[in-house]
Amino acid sequence: MSRFGLVAFTCLIVTSALSQEPAPKPMPEPALPFLDWKACPFEGCSYREWTAQKPVTVYDTWKDGRRKVAQVAKGDRVVGVTGVVITFKPGVIRMDRDLPEQHLKKGDTILTYTYLGEGFSQAWFKANYYPEFDISFTKWPDGGGCGGAHCAATYVDLGNKVWWAQVKLKSGRMGWVNMEDAAFDGVDSLG
């Protein structure tokens, strides 16, 4: 094999290996609540400096029994450090037709956990957990999502999930914010 052929073959193997979805992990249905540590749940989500778009309450923990420890004013800067997405109830996708390439049949259900963006989610079905699973073939409850012949399933329940982010305040104090209630510029590195 020529040097060029060897380089091309190596590139093909590496590209193929990198484009594969992570292998499923055989396991029982995840216990609830399911905690996804270090999660940043959308395409472009980044932990870095953020600017508050409105007042934001900061708590001592994300857990029940939390206490307010600070209030961030509109325009204040914090550093997003890490986060956790807590799934209290997974989303439920129902297959509307067979999808042989995914080994899914009409009537099968997929449970979804942290949404990752660009049509990918953590998922569990057929006794396997998928850390990144392409659900772009799914129609959302509002009819959005996939279109045309690509559609093979419907979200019948989005579940109940909440994202908490740990932030570092200007004072150096650490705290937690419920990202369902907060609004920060800078969270989306693509926006």
N, C-alpha and C. Protein backbone atom coordinates (compact mmCIF):
# COMPACT_ATOMS: atom_id res chain seq x y z
N MET A 1 0.85 -1.17 0.00
CA MET A 1 0.00 0.00 0.00
C MET A 1 0.90 1.24 0.00
N SER A 2 0.53 2.20 -0.81
CA SER A 2 1.32 3.43 -0.89
C SER A 2 1.18 4.23 0.41
N ARG A 3 2.10 5.16 0.58
CA ARG A 3 2.05 6.02 1.78
C ARG A 3 0.72 6.79 1.81
N PHE A 4 0.30 7.34 0.67
CA PHE A 4 -0.97 8.07 0.58
C PHE A 4 -2.13 7.14 0.93
N GLY A 5 -2.12 5.93 0.40
CA GLY A 5 -3.18 4.96 0.68
C GLY A 5 -3.26 4.63 2.16
N LEU A 6 -2.11 4.46 2.80
CA LEU A 6 -2.06 4.15 4.22
C LEU A 6 -2.62 5.31 5.05
N VAL A 7 -2.26 6.54 4.70
CA VAL A 7 -2.77 7.72 5.41
C VAL A 7 -4.29 7.83 5.20
N ALA A 8 -4.76 7.65 3.99
CA ALA A 8 -6.19 7.73 3.71
C ALA A 8 -6.96 6.66 4.47
N PHE A 9 -6.43 5.44 4.51
CA PHE A 9 -7.07 4.34 5.22
C PHE A 9 -7.13 4.64 6.72
N THR A 10 -6.04 5.14 7.29
CA THR A 10 -6.00 5.48 8.72
C THR A 10 -7.01 6.57 9.03
N CYS A 11 -7.09 7.60 8.18
CA CYS A 11 -8.06 8.68 8.39
C CYS A 11 -9.48 8.15 8.35
N LEU A 12 -9.76 7.23 7.44
CA LEU A 12 -11.09 6.64 7.32
C LEU A 12 -11.45 5.88 8.59
N ILE A 13 -10.52 5.09 9.11
CA ILE A 13 -10.77 4.32 10.33
C ILE A 13 -11.01 5.26 11.52
N VAL A 14 -10.18 6.28 11.68
CA VAL A 14 -10.32 7.22 12.79
C VAL A 14 -11.64 7.97 12.67
N THR A 15 -11.99 8.47 11.49
CA THR A 15 -13.24 9.19 11.28
C THR A 15 -14.42 8.30 11.59
N SER A 16 -14.39 7.06 11.15
CA SER A 16 -15.47 6.12 11.40
C SER A 16 -15.63 5.88 12.90
N ALA A 17 -14.53 5.71 13.60
CA ALA A 17 -14.59 5.46 15.04
C ALA A 17 -15.14 6.67 15.78
N LEU A 18 -14.78 7.88 15.36
CA LEU A 18 -15.24 9.09 16.04
C LEU A 18 -16.71 9.39 15.77
N SER A 19 -17.25 8.93 14.64
CA SER A 19 -18.62 9.26 14.29
C SER A 19 -19.63 8.28 14.89
N GLN A 20 -19.19 7.22 15.51
CA GLN A 20 -20.08 6.25 16.11
C GLN A 20 -20.71 6.81 17.37
N GLU A 21 -22.00 6.50 17.58
CA GLU A 21 -22.65 6.87 18.83
C GLU A 21 -22.04 6.03 19.95
N PRO A 22 -21.98 6.58 21.15
CA PRO A 22 -21.47 5.77 22.27
C PRO A 22 -22.28 4.49 22.41
N ALA A 23 -21.62 3.43 22.77
CA ALA A 23 -22.28 2.13 22.91
C ALA A 23 -23.28 2.17 24.06
N PRO A 24 -24.40 1.45 23.90
CA PRO A 24 -25.36 1.40 25.00
C PRO A 24 -24.76 0.62 26.18
N LYS A 25 -25.29 0.93 27.36
CA LYS A 25 -24.86 0.23 28.57
C LYS A 25 -26.04 -0.59 29.05
N PRO A 26 -25.92 -1.93 29.03
CA PRO A 26 -27.02 -2.74 29.56
C PRO A 26 -27.25 -2.40 31.04
N MET A 27 -28.47 -2.07 31.38
CA MET A 27 -28.80 -1.75 32.77
C MET A 27 -30.31 -1.67 32.94
N PRO A 28 -30.80 -1.87 34.16
CA PRO A 28 -32.23 -1.70 34.40
C PRO A 28 -32.61 -0.23 34.23
N GLU A 29 -33.90 0.02 34.15
CA GLU A 29 -34.38 1.40 34.03
C GLU A 29 -33.78 2.25 35.15
N PRO A 30 -33.21 3.42 34.81
CA PRO A 30 -32.58 4.26 35.85
C PRO A 30 -33.54 4.61 36.98
N ALA A 31 -33.03 4.56 38.21
CA ALA A 31 -33.81 4.93 39.39
C ALA A 31 -34.05 6.44 39.37
N LEU A 32 -35.17 6.84 39.93
CA LEU A 32 -35.54 8.25 39.98
C LEU A 32 -35.41 8.77 41.40
N PRO A 33 -35.05 10.02 41.61
CA PRO A 33 -34.64 10.94 40.55
C PRO A 33 -33.28 10.53 39.98
N PHE A 34 -33.13 10.77 38.68
CA PHE A 34 -31.90 10.45 37.96
C PHE A 34 -31.08 11.74 37.89
N LEU A 35 -29.84 11.69 38.40
CA LEU A 35 -28.98 12.87 38.43
C LEU A 35 -27.92 12.77 37.34
N ASP A 36 -27.90 13.76 36.46
CA ASP A 36 -26.89 13.83 35.40
C ASP A 36 -25.93 14.97 35.75
N TRP A 37 -24.82 14.61 36.39
CA TRP A 37 -23.83 15.58 36.85
C TRP A 37 -23.03 16.15 35.69
N LYS A 38 -22.63 17.40 35.81
CA LYS A 38 -21.85 18.15 34.83
C LYS A 38 -22.63 18.39 33.54
N ALA A 39 -23.93 18.20 33.58
CA ALA A 39 -24.76 18.38 32.39
C ALA A 39 -24.90 19.86 32.04
N CYS A 40 -24.89 20.12 30.77
CA CYS A 40 -25.19 21.44 30.20
C CYS A 40 -26.12 21.10 29.03
N PRO A 41 -27.44 21.19 29.24
CA PRO A 41 -28.40 20.47 28.42
C PRO A 41 -28.89 21.07 27.09
N PHE A 42 -27.99 21.60 26.31
CA PHE A 42 -28.37 21.97 24.95
C PHE A 42 -27.12 22.23 24.14
N GLU A 43 -27.27 22.21 22.83
CA GLU A 43 -26.16 22.48 21.91
C GLU A 43 -25.61 23.88 22.18
N GLY A 44 -24.33 24.00 22.41
CA GLY A 44 -23.69 25.29 22.65
C GLY A 44 -23.67 25.71 24.11
N CYS A 45 -24.29 24.93 24.97
CA CYS A 45 -24.32 25.26 26.40
C CYS A 45 -22.90 25.24 26.96
N SER A 46 -22.53 26.29 27.68
CA SER A 46 -21.17 26.41 28.19
C SER A 46 -21.15 26.98 29.60
N TYR A 47 -20.33 26.36 30.43
CA TYR A 47 -20.07 26.91 31.76
C TYR A 47 -18.88 27.85 31.62
N ARG A 48 -19.14 29.11 31.89
CA ARG A 48 -18.15 30.18 31.74
C ARG A 48 -18.75 31.43 32.37
N GLU A 49 -18.27 32.62 32.05
CA GLU A 49 -18.86 33.84 32.60
C GLU A 49 -20.23 34.09 31.98
N TRP A 50 -21.22 34.36 32.84
CA TRP A 50 -22.58 34.67 32.41
C TRP A 50 -22.98 36.03 32.99
N THR A 51 -23.90 36.71 32.30
CA THR A 51 -24.44 37.99 32.76
C THR A 51 -25.94 37.85 32.96
N ALA A 52 -26.42 38.20 34.13
CA ALA A 52 -27.85 38.06 34.45
C ALA A 52 -28.69 39.02 33.60
N GLN A 53 -29.73 38.48 32.99
CA GLN A 53 -30.68 39.29 32.21
C GLN A 53 -31.78 39.85 33.09
N LYS A 54 -31.93 39.27 34.28
CA LYS A 54 -32.94 39.69 35.25
C LYS A 54 -32.45 39.27 36.62
N PRO A 55 -33.07 39.72 37.72
CA PRO A 55 -32.65 39.27 39.04
C PRO A 55 -32.77 37.74 39.16
N VAL A 56 -31.78 37.14 39.82
CA VAL A 56 -31.72 35.69 39.95
C VAL A 56 -31.44 35.34 41.41
N THR A 57 -32.22 34.43 41.97
CA THR A 57 -32.00 33.97 43.33
C THR A 57 -30.95 32.86 43.33
N VAL A 58 -30.02 32.96 44.27
CA VAL A 58 -28.95 31.97 44.42
C VAL A 58 -29.18 31.23 45.74
N TYR A 59 -29.09 29.89 45.69
CA TYR A 59 -29.34 29.05 46.86
C TYR A 59 -28.07 28.34 47.29
N ASP A 60 -28.09 27.82 48.52
CA ASP A 60 -26.93 27.11 49.05
C ASP A 60 -26.77 25.71 48.45
N THR A 61 -27.84 25.14 47.90
CA THR A 61 -27.81 23.81 47.31
C THR A 61 -28.93 23.68 46.30
N TRP A 62 -28.88 22.67 45.51
CA TRP A 62 -29.96 22.35 44.58
C TRP A 62 -30.97 21.42 45.24
N LYS A 63 -30.61 20.86 46.38
CA LYS A 63 -31.44 19.86 47.07
C LYS A 63 -32.63 20.51 47.77
N ASP A 64 -33.63 19.67 48.10
CA ASP A 64 -34.76 20.15 48.90
C ASP A 64 -34.24 20.73 50.21
N GLY A 65 -34.97 21.69 50.76
CA GLY A 65 -34.56 22.32 52.00
C GLY A 65 -33.53 23.42 51.80
N ARG A 66 -33.31 23.81 50.56
CA ARG A 66 -32.31 24.84 50.23
C ARG A 66 -32.71 26.19 50.84
N ARG A 67 -31.68 27.02 51.05
CA ARG A 67 -31.88 28.37 51.58
C ARG A 67 -31.31 29.38 50.61
N LYS A 68 -31.98 30.51 50.50
CA LYS A 68 -31.48 31.61 49.67
C LYS A 68 -30.22 32.16 50.32
N VAL A 69 -29.15 32.33 49.51
CA VAL A 69 -27.90 32.87 50.05
C VAL A 69 -27.51 34.19 49.39
N ALA A 70 -28.12 34.49 48.24
CA ALA A 70 -27.77 35.74 47.55
C ALA A 70 -28.82 36.03 46.48
N GLN A 71 -28.78 37.27 46.03
CA GLN A 71 -29.62 37.70 44.91
C GLN A 71 -28.70 38.36 43.90
N VAL A 72 -28.70 37.88 42.68
CA VAL A 72 -27.91 38.47 41.61
C VAL A 72 -28.79 39.49 40.90
N ALA A 73 -28.32 40.70 40.74
CA ALA A 73 -29.08 41.75 40.07
C ALA A 73 -28.90 41.66 38.56
N LYS A 74 -29.86 42.22 37.84
CA LYS A 74 -29.75 42.30 36.38
C LYS A 74 -28.42 42.99 36.04
N GLY A 75 -27.66 42.39 35.13
CA GLY A 75 -26.39 42.95 34.71
C GLY A 75 -25.19 42.42 35.48
N ASP A 76 -25.43 41.78 36.64
CA ASP A 76 -24.32 41.19 37.41
C ASP A 76 -23.75 40.00 36.66
N ARG A 77 -22.45 39.80 36.86
CA ARG A 77 -21.77 38.66 36.24
C ARG A 77 -21.50 37.58 37.27
N VAL A 78 -21.63 36.34 36.83
CA VAL A 78 -21.29 35.17 37.63
C VAL A 78 -20.48 34.25 36.73
N VAL A 79 -19.87 33.25 37.31
CA VAL A 79 -19.20 32.22 36.52
C VAL A 79 -19.98 30.93 36.69
N GLY A 80 -20.52 30.42 35.59
CA GLY A 80 -21.16 29.11 35.61
C GLY A 80 -20.06 28.06 35.75
N VAL A 81 -20.14 27.23 36.79
CA VAL A 81 -19.08 26.28 37.11
C VAL A 81 -19.42 24.87 36.64
N THR A 82 -20.59 24.40 36.99
CA THR A 82 -21.03 23.05 36.63
C THR A 82 -22.54 22.99 36.80
N GLY A 83 -23.11 21.82 36.64
CA GLY A 83 -24.54 21.70 36.81
C GLY A 83 -24.99 20.27 36.99
N VAL A 84 -26.28 20.15 37.24
CA VAL A 84 -26.91 18.84 37.34
C VAL A 84 -28.31 18.96 36.75
N VAL A 85 -28.65 18.01 35.89
CA VAL A 85 -30.03 17.90 35.40
C VAL A 85 -30.65 16.76 36.19
N ILE A 86 -31.76 17.06 36.84
CA ILE A 86 -32.45 16.08 37.66
C ILE A 86 -33.72 15.66 36.92
N THR A 87 -33.81 14.37 36.64
CA THR A 87 -35.01 13.83 36.00
C THR A 87 -35.87 13.20 37.08
N PHE A 88 -37.02 13.81 37.34
CA PHE A 88 -37.97 13.26 38.29
C PHE A 88 -38.89 12.27 37.61
N LYS A 89 -39.15 12.52 36.33
CA LYS A 89 -39.98 11.63 35.52
C LYS A 89 -39.42 11.71 34.10
N PRO A 90 -39.00 10.58 33.52
CA PRO A 90 -38.43 10.65 32.17
C PRO A 90 -39.50 10.98 31.13
N GLY A 91 -39.04 11.54 30.01
CA GLY A 91 -39.94 11.73 28.88
C GLY A 91 -40.26 10.36 28.28
N VAL A 92 -41.38 10.29 27.57
CA VAL A 92 -41.79 9.03 26.94
C VAL A 92 -42.03 9.27 25.46
N ILE A 93 -41.31 8.51 24.65
CA ILE A 93 -41.49 8.54 23.20
C ILE A 93 -42.14 7.22 22.80
N ARG A 94 -43.18 7.29 21.97
CA ARG A 94 -43.85 6.09 21.44
C ARG A 94 -43.50 5.96 19.97
N MET A 95 -43.04 4.78 19.57
CA MET A 95 -42.73 4.52 18.17
C MET A 95 -44.02 4.37 17.38
N ASP A 96 -44.15 5.14 16.29
CA ASP A 96 -45.33 5.10 15.44
C ASP A 96 -45.15 4.15 14.27
N ARG A 97 -43.91 3.80 13.99
CA ARG A 97 -43.60 2.83 12.94
C ARG A 97 -42.26 2.19 13.27
N ASP A 98 -41.96 1.10 12.56
CA ASP A 98 -40.68 0.43 12.77
C ASP A 98 -39.53 1.33 12.32
N LEU A 99 -38.42 1.21 13.01
CA LEU A 99 -37.19 1.89 12.66
C LEU A 99 -36.08 0.84 12.79
N PRO A 100 -35.96 -0.02 11.76
CA PRO A 100 -35.06 -1.17 11.85
C PRO A 100 -33.60 -0.82 12.16
N GLU A 101 -33.10 0.30 11.61
CA GLU A 101 -31.70 0.64 11.86
C GLU A 101 -31.42 0.95 13.33
N GLN A 102 -32.47 1.27 14.10
CA GLN A 102 -32.33 1.52 15.54
C GLN A 102 -32.86 0.34 16.36
N HIS A 103 -33.29 -0.71 15.67
CA HIS A 103 -33.86 -1.90 16.33
C HIS A 103 -35.10 -1.55 17.14
N LEU A 104 -35.90 -0.65 16.59
CA LEU A 104 -37.13 -0.22 17.24
C LEU A 104 -38.33 -0.60 16.39
N LYS A 105 -39.41 -0.99 17.06
CA LYS A 105 -40.63 -1.40 16.36
C LYS A 105 -41.80 -0.53 16.79
N LYS A 106 -42.80 -0.47 15.92
CA LYS A 106 -44.02 0.27 16.24
C LYS A 106 -44.54 -0.19 17.60
N GLY A 107 -44.87 0.79 18.47
CA GLY A 107 -45.38 0.48 19.80
C GLY A 107 -44.32 0.47 20.88
N ASP A 108 -43.02 0.35 20.51
CA ASP A 108 -41.95 0.41 21.51
C ASP A 108 -41.95 1.80 22.15
N THR A 109 -41.46 1.86 23.38
CA THR A 109 -41.30 3.16 24.05
C THR A 109 -39.84 3.40 24.39
N ILE A 110 -39.48 4.66 24.34
CA ILE A 110 -38.14 5.13 24.69
C ILE A 110 -38.31 6.11 25.84
N LEU A 111 -37.54 5.94 26.90
CA LEU A 111 -37.55 6.91 28.00
C LEU A 111 -36.39 7.86 27.78
N THR A 112 -36.65 9.17 27.94
CA THR A 112 -35.60 10.17 27.73
C THR A 112 -35.26 10.87 29.04
N TYR A 113 -33.99 11.22 29.16
CA TYR A 113 -33.48 11.89 30.35
C TYR A 113 -32.93 13.25 29.91
N THR A 114 -31.69 13.58 30.10
CA THR A 114 -31.17 14.89 29.74
C THR A 114 -31.16 15.07 28.22
N TYR A 115 -31.78 16.17 27.76
CA TYR A 115 -31.70 16.53 26.34
C TYR A 115 -30.33 17.15 26.11
N LEU A 116 -29.66 16.74 25.05
CA LEU A 116 -28.30 17.21 24.78
C LEU A 116 -28.23 18.24 23.67
N GLY A 117 -29.29 18.39 22.90
CA GLY A 117 -29.33 19.34 21.80
C GLY A 117 -29.14 18.66 20.46
N GLU A 118 -29.54 19.38 19.41
CA GLU A 118 -29.40 18.90 18.03
C GLU A 118 -30.01 17.52 17.82
N GLY A 119 -31.12 17.24 18.50
CA GLY A 119 -31.83 15.98 18.31
C GLY A 119 -31.29 14.81 19.11
N PHE A 120 -30.36 15.06 20.02
CA PHE A 120 -29.79 13.98 20.83
C PHE A 120 -30.24 14.10 22.28
N SER A 121 -30.44 12.96 22.90
CA SER A 121 -30.88 12.88 24.28
C SER A 121 -30.27 11.65 24.94
N GLN A 122 -30.20 11.66 26.24
CA GLN A 122 -29.90 10.42 26.94
C GLN A 122 -31.19 9.61 26.88
N ALA A 123 -31.08 8.32 26.67
CA ALA A 123 -32.28 7.50 26.49
C ALA A 123 -32.09 6.11 27.09
N TRP A 124 -33.22 5.50 27.41
CA TRP A 124 -33.23 4.13 27.90
C TRP A 124 -34.36 3.39 27.20
N PHE A 125 -34.05 2.25 26.63
CA PHE A 125 -35.06 1.36 26.07
C PHE A 125 -34.46 -0.02 25.90
N LYS A 126 -35.33 -1.01 25.93
CA LYS A 126 -34.94 -2.42 25.77
C LYS A 126 -33.76 -2.78 26.67
N ALA A 127 -33.84 -2.36 27.94
CA ALA A 127 -32.85 -2.68 28.98
C ALA A 127 -31.45 -2.13 28.70
N ASN A 128 -31.36 -1.06 27.89
CA ASN A 128 -30.08 -0.43 27.60
C ASN A 128 -30.19 1.08 27.81
N TYR A 129 -29.13 1.65 28.39
CA TYR A 129 -29.03 3.10 28.58
C TYR A 129 -28.08 3.64 27.51
N TYR A 130 -28.50 4.70 26.82
CA TYR A 130 -27.72 5.33 25.76
C TYR A 130 -27.35 6.74 26.21
N PRO A 131 -26.06 7.02 26.46
CA PRO A 131 -25.67 8.36 26.91
C PRO A 131 -25.89 9.43 25.86
N GLU A 132 -25.92 9.06 24.58
CA GLU A 132 -26.23 9.99 23.47
C GLU A 132 -27.00 9.21 22.44
N PHE A 133 -28.30 9.51 22.32
CA PHE A 133 -29.13 8.78 21.36
C PHE A 133 -29.85 9.79 20.47
N ASP A 134 -29.79 9.57 19.17
CA ASP A 134 -30.42 10.45 18.19
C ASP A 134 -31.92 10.22 18.19
N ILE A 135 -32.68 11.21 18.69
CA ILE A 135 -34.15 11.11 18.70
C ILE A 135 -34.76 12.08 17.69
N SER A 136 -33.98 12.47 16.68
CA SER A 136 -34.46 13.45 15.71
C SER A 136 -35.61 12.93 14.85
N PHE A 137 -35.92 11.66 14.96
CA PHE A 137 -37.05 11.06 14.23
C PHE A 137 -38.36 11.24 15.00
N THR A 138 -38.34 12.04 16.08
CA THR A 138 -39.49 12.17 16.98
C THR A 138 -40.22 13.50 16.80
N LYS A 139 -41.56 13.43 16.72
CA LYS A 139 -42.41 14.61 16.73
C LYS A 139 -42.63 15.03 18.18
N TRP A 140 -42.53 16.34 18.45
CA TRP A 140 -42.79 16.86 19.79
C TRP A 140 -44.29 16.97 20.01
N PRO A 141 -44.74 17.07 21.25
CA PRO A 141 -46.19 17.17 21.51
C PRO A 141 -46.87 18.31 20.76
N ASP A 142 -46.12 19.40 20.49
CA ASP A 142 -46.72 20.54 19.77
C ASP A 142 -46.67 20.37 18.26
N GLY A 143 -46.20 19.21 17.79
CA GLY A 143 -46.13 18.94 16.35
C GLY A 143 -44.80 19.31 15.73
N GLY A 144 -43.94 20.01 16.48
CA GLY A 144 -42.61 20.37 15.98
C GLY A 144 -41.69 19.17 15.97
N GLY A 145 -40.46 19.43 15.63
CA GLY A 145 -39.48 18.34 15.60
C GLY A 145 -39.27 17.85 14.19
N CYS A 146 -39.28 16.55 14.02
CA CYS A 146 -39.01 15.98 12.70
C CYS A 146 -40.10 16.36 11.71
N GLY A 147 -39.84 16.10 10.44
CA GLY A 147 -40.82 16.39 9.41
C GLY A 147 -40.85 15.31 8.35
N GLY A 148 -42.02 15.10 7.78
CA GLY A 148 -42.17 14.18 6.67
C GLY A 148 -41.88 12.73 6.99
N ALA A 149 -41.31 12.04 6.00
CA ALA A 149 -41.05 10.60 6.11
C ALA A 149 -40.04 10.26 7.19
N HIS A 150 -39.27 11.26 7.63
CA HIS A 150 -38.26 11.04 8.67
C HIS A 150 -38.91 10.70 10.01
N CYS A 151 -40.14 11.19 10.23
CA CYS A 151 -40.82 10.97 11.51
C CYS A 151 -41.17 9.50 11.71
N ALA A 152 -40.83 8.99 12.88
CA ALA A 152 -41.13 7.59 13.19
C ALA A 152 -41.71 7.43 14.58
N ALA A 153 -41.78 8.54 15.35
CA ALA A 153 -42.22 8.43 16.74
C ALA A 153 -42.82 9.75 17.20
N THR A 154 -43.50 9.71 18.35
CA THR A 154 -44.12 10.89 18.94
C THR A 154 -43.81 10.95 20.43
N TYR A 155 -43.43 12.14 20.90
CA TYR A 155 -43.30 12.35 22.34
C TYR A 155 -44.71 12.35 22.91
N VAL A 156 -45.02 11.44 23.80
CA VAL A 156 -46.34 11.44 24.43
C VAL A 156 -46.29 12.11 25.80
N ASP A 157 -45.08 12.27 26.35
CA ASP A 157 -44.90 12.95 27.63
C ASP A 157 -43.46 13.45 27.69
N LEU A 158 -43.27 14.75 27.92
CA LEU A 158 -41.92 15.31 28.00
C LEU A 158 -41.23 15.01 29.32
N GLY A 159 -41.99 14.51 30.29
CA GLY A 159 -41.41 14.18 31.59
C GLY A 159 -41.28 15.41 32.46
N ASN A 160 -40.54 15.25 33.55
CA ASN A 160 -40.32 16.34 34.50
C ASN A 160 -38.84 16.35 34.84
N LYS A 161 -38.16 17.39 34.35
CA LYS A 161 -36.71 17.53 34.54
C LYS A 161 -36.41 18.97 34.94
N VAL A 162 -35.36 19.15 35.72
CA VAL A 162 -34.95 20.50 36.10
C VAL A 162 -33.43 20.58 36.06
N TRP A 163 -32.94 21.72 35.59
CA TRP A 163 -31.49 21.96 35.48
C TRP A 163 -31.09 22.98 36.53
N TRP A 164 -30.14 22.58 37.39
CA TRP A 164 -29.54 23.47 38.37
C TRP A 164 -28.10 23.71 37.97
N ALA A 165 -27.67 24.97 38.03
CA ALA A 165 -26.28 25.31 37.72
C ALA A 165 -25.60 25.86 38.96
N GLN A 166 -24.37 25.43 39.19
CA GLN A 166 -23.57 25.99 40.27
C GLN A 166 -22.85 27.21 39.71
N VAL A 167 -22.93 28.31 40.44
CA VAL A 167 -22.30 29.56 39.99
C VAL A 167 -21.37 30.09 41.07
N LYS A 168 -20.36 30.82 40.61
CA LYS A 168 -19.44 31.52 41.51
C LYS A 168 -19.77 33.00 41.39
N LEU A 169 -20.08 33.62 42.51
CA LEU A 169 -20.42 35.03 42.55
C LEU A 169 -19.17 35.89 42.57
N LYS A 170 -19.34 37.18 42.30
CA LYS A 170 -18.24 38.13 42.33
C LYS A 170 -17.47 38.08 43.66
N SER A 171 -18.19 37.82 44.74
CA SER A 171 -17.59 37.75 46.08
C SER A 171 -16.74 36.49 46.27
N GLY A 172 -16.87 35.55 45.35
CA GLY A 172 -16.18 34.27 45.48
C GLY A 172 -17.07 33.17 46.05
N ARG A 173 -18.21 33.56 46.59
CA ARG A 173 -19.15 32.58 47.15
C ARG A 173 -19.73 31.70 46.05
N MET A 174 -19.91 30.43 46.37
CA MET A 174 -20.52 29.48 45.43
C MET A 174 -21.99 29.31 45.80
N GLY A 175 -22.82 29.08 44.81
CA GLY A 175 -24.24 28.84 45.05
C GLY A 175 -24.86 28.14 43.86
N TRP A 176 -26.15 27.88 43.96
CA TRP A 176 -26.89 27.15 42.92
C TRP A 176 -28.08 27.96 42.44
N VAL A 177 -28.34 27.95 41.13
CA VAL A 177 -29.50 28.63 40.56
C VAL A 177 -30.32 27.63 39.76
N ASN A 178 -31.63 27.77 39.87
CA ASN A 178 -32.55 26.96 39.08
C ASN A 178 -32.62 27.61 37.70
N MET A 179 -32.11 26.93 36.71
CA MET A 179 -32.03 27.52 35.37
C MET A 179 -33.40 27.64 34.69
N GLU A 180 -34.42 27.03 35.28
CA GLU A 180 -35.79 27.21 34.77
C GLU A 180 -36.28 28.62 35.10
N ASP A 181 -35.77 29.19 36.19
CA ASP A 181 -36.19 30.52 36.64
C ASP A 181 -35.20 31.61 36.28
N ALA A 182 -33.97 31.23 35.93
CA ALA A 182 -32.90 32.20 35.67
C ALA A 182 -32.82 32.54 34.19
N ALA A 183 -32.18 33.65 33.90
CA ALA A 183 -31.91 34.06 32.51
C ALA A 183 -30.55 34.74 32.49
N PHE A 184 -29.62 34.14 31.77
CA PHE A 184 -28.27 34.68 31.68
C PHE A 184 -27.84 34.78 30.22
N ASP A 185 -27.14 35.86 29.89
CA ASP A 185 -26.42 35.94 28.61
C ASP A 185 -25.12 35.18 28.79
N GLY A 186 -24.65 34.53 27.74
CA GLY A 186 -23.37 33.84 27.79
C GLY A 186 -23.46 32.36 28.00
N VAL A 187 -24.65 31.84 28.36
CA VAL A 187 -24.79 30.40 28.57
C VAL A 187 -24.64 29.67 27.23
N ASP A 188 -25.19 30.26 26.18
CA ASP A 188 -25.14 29.63 24.86
C ASP A 188 -23.94 30.19 24.09
N SER A 189 -22.92 29.38 23.91
CA SER A 189 -21.73 29.84 23.20
C SER A 189 -21.98 30.02 21.70
N LEU A 190 -23.11 29.52 21.22
CA LEU A 190 -23.45 29.66 19.80
C LEU A 190 -24.40 30.83 19.56
N GLY A 191 -24.94 31.40 20.65
CA GLY A 191 -25.96 32.44 20.49
C GLY A 191 -25.43 33.83 20.67
